[in-house]
Amino acid sequence: MHAFLMVSTIISSILIIIVVLLQESKSGGLSGLTGGAEELFGKQKVRGAELLLQRVTVFLGIVFFLSLLGLTWFNI
């Protein structure tokens, strides 16, 4: 079980990095932090590939989190 959780942690972390790098930037980097809060919190409909990438990112984040919790639980 420990090996399965370790492998799922490694694979999910690599896939999270890849999926996040595939996503388009929504702002001009750090310059988006100083202003333009309406762009950040405004209603933006995401469709197509962007929606798929967001959902995959959330799913992989949950898998990563749960596998780390499982690793912690079984190491106690």
C-alpha atoms as a PDB file:
ATOM      1  CA  MET A   1       0.000   0.000   0.000  1.00  0.00           C
ATOM      2  CA  HIS A   2       2.873   2.321   0.813  1.00  0.00           C
ATOM      3  CA  ALA A   3       4.405   1.787  -2.639  1.00  0.00           C
ATOM      4  CA  PHE A   4       1.071   2.484  -4.371  1.00  0.00           C
ATOM      5  CA  LEU A   5       0.609   5.740  -2.463  1.00  0.00           C
ATOM      6  CA  MET A   6       4.192   6.793  -3.158  1.00  0.00           C
ATOM      7  CA  VAL A   7       3.815   6.145  -6.886  1.00  0.00           C
ATOM      8  CA  SER A   8       0.467   7.958  -7.032  1.00  0.00           C
ATOM      9  CA  THR A   9       2.014  10.948  -5.236  1.00  0.00           C
ATOM     10  CA  ILE A  10       4.914  11.148  -7.663  1.00  0.00           C
ATOM     11  CA  ILE A  11       2.760  10.694 -10.764  1.00  0.00           C
ATOM     12  CA  SER A  12       0.134  13.196  -9.625  1.00  0.00           C
ATOM     13  CA  SER A  13       2.780  15.798  -8.764  1.00  0.00           C
ATOM     14  CA  ILE A  14       4.406  15.486 -12.193  1.00  0.00           C
ATOM     15  CA  LEU A  15       1.015  15.670 -13.917  1.00  0.00           C
ATOM     16  CA  ILE A  16       0.011  18.747 -11.874  1.00  0.00           C
ATOM     17  CA  ILE A  17       3.158  20.531 -13.026  1.00  0.00           C
ATOM     18  CA  ILE A  18       2.476  19.638 -16.656  1.00  0.00           C
ATOM     19  CA  VAL A  19      -1.207  20.633 -16.538  1.00  0.00           C
ATOM     20  CA  VAL A  20      -0.495  23.953 -14.812  1.00  0.00           C
ATOM     21  CA  LEU A  21       2.160  24.785 -17.397  1.00  0.00           C
ATOM     22  CA  LEU A  22      -0.335  24.042 -20.186  1.00  0.00           C
ATOM     23  CA  GLN A  23      -2.834  26.585 -18.860  1.00  0.00           C
ATOM     24  CA  GLU A  24      -2.888  30.085 -20.300  1.00  0.00           C
ATOM     25  CA  SER A  25      -1.930  33.025 -18.141  1.00  0.00           C
ATOM     26  CA  LYS A  26      -4.930  35.019 -16.957  1.00  0.00           C
ATOM     27  CA  SER A  27      -3.044  38.205 -16.055  1.00  0.00           C
ATOM     28  CA  GLY A  28       0.200  40.012 -16.685  1.00  0.00           C
ATOM     29  CA  GLY A  29       2.085  38.184 -13.971  1.00  0.00           C
ATOM     30  CA  LEU A  30       2.758  40.056 -10.760  1.00  0.00           C
ATOM     31  CA  SER A  31       1.434  43.292 -12.246  1.00  0.00           C
ATOM     32  CA  GLY A  32      -2.056  41.784 -11.952  1.00  0.00           C
ATOM     33  CA  LEU A  33      -1.765  41.838  -8.165  1.00  0.00           C
ATOM     34  CA  THR A  34      -1.625  45.629  -7.884  1.00  0.00           C
ATOM     35  CA  GLY A  35      -4.938  46.332  -9.553  1.00  0.00           C
ATOM     36  CA  GLY A  36      -7.709  44.950 -11.636  1.00  0.00           C
ATOM     37  CA  ALA A  37      -9.519  43.029  -8.923  1.00  0.00           C
ATOM     38  CA  GLU A  38     -12.635  43.022 -11.072  1.00  0.00           C
ATOM     39  CA  GLU A  39     -10.784  40.862 -13.565  1.00  0.00           C
ATOM     40  CA  LEU A  40      -9.720  38.480 -10.838  1.00  0.00           C
ATOM     41  CA  PHE A  41     -13.107  38.134  -9.168  1.00  0.00           C
ATOM     42  CA  GLY A  42     -15.333  38.944 -12.144  1.00  0.00           C
ATOM     43  CA  LYS A  43     -17.589  36.419 -13.772  1.00  0.00           C
ATOM     44  CA  GLN A  44     -15.605  34.720 -16.482  1.00  0.00           C
ATOM     45  CA  LYS A  45     -17.009  31.766 -18.344  1.00  0.00           C
ATOM     46  CA  VAL A  46     -14.403  29.213 -19.165  1.00  0.00           C
ATOM     47  CA  ARG A  47     -15.040  26.839 -22.032  1.00  0.00           C
ATOM     48  CA  GLY A  48     -13.351  24.151 -24.015  1.00  0.00           C
ATOM     49  CA  ALA A  49      -9.782  23.172 -23.268  1.00  0.00           C
ATOM     50  CA  GLU A  50      -9.403  25.704 -20.439  1.00  0.00           C
ATOM     51  CA  LEU A  51     -12.331  24.174 -18.569  1.00  0.00           C
ATOM     52  CA  LEU A  52     -10.900  20.691 -19.036  1.00  0.00           C
ATOM     53  CA  LEU A  53      -7.478  21.791 -17.788  1.00  0.00           C
ATOM     54  CA  GLN A  54      -9.023  23.436 -14.720  1.00  0.00           C
ATOM     55  CA  ARG A  55     -11.010  20.325 -13.847  1.00  0.00           C
ATOM     56  CA  VAL A  56      -8.001  18.061 -14.367  1.00  0.00           C
ATOM     57  CA  THR A  57      -5.935  20.353 -12.140  1.00  0.00           C
ATOM     58  CA  VAL A  58      -8.521  20.164  -9.358  1.00  0.00           C
ATOM     59  CA  PHE A  59      -8.796  16.383  -9.695  1.00  0.00           C
ATOM     60  CA  LEU A  60      -5.017  15.899  -9.616  1.00  0.00           C
ATOM     61  CA  GLY A  61      -4.750  18.220  -6.615  1.00  0.00           C
ATOM     62  CA  ILE A  62      -7.275  16.117  -4.728  1.00  0.00           C
ATOM     63  CA  VAL A  63      -5.457  12.894  -5.682  1.00  0.00           C
ATOM     64  CA  PHE A  64      -2.145  14.419  -4.583  1.00  0.00           C
ATOM     65  CA  PHE A  65      -3.586  15.605  -1.265  1.00  0.00           C
ATOM     66  CA  LEU A  66      -5.279  12.286  -0.488  1.00  0.00           C
ATOM     67  CA  SER A  67      -2.201  10.271  -1.379  1.00  0.00           C
ATOM     68  CA  LEU A  68      -0.103  12.418   0.957  1.00  0.00           C
ATOM     69  CA  LEU A  69      -2.676  11.958   3.717  1.00  0.00           C
ATOM     70  CA  GLY A  70      -2.558   8.212   3.105  1.00  0.00           C
ATOM     71  CA  LEU A  71       1.238   8.193   3.248  1.00  0.00           C
ATOM     72  CA  THR A  72       1.130  10.081   6.522  1.00  0.00           C
ATOM     73  CA  TRP A  73      -1.522   7.772   7.945  1.00  0.00           C
ATOM     74  CA  PHE A  74       0.355   4.572   7.081  1.00  0.00           C
ATOM     75  CA  ASN A  75       3.692   5.897   8.364  1.00  0.00           C
ATOM     76  CA  ILE A  76       2.319   6.558  11.851  1.00  0.00           C
END
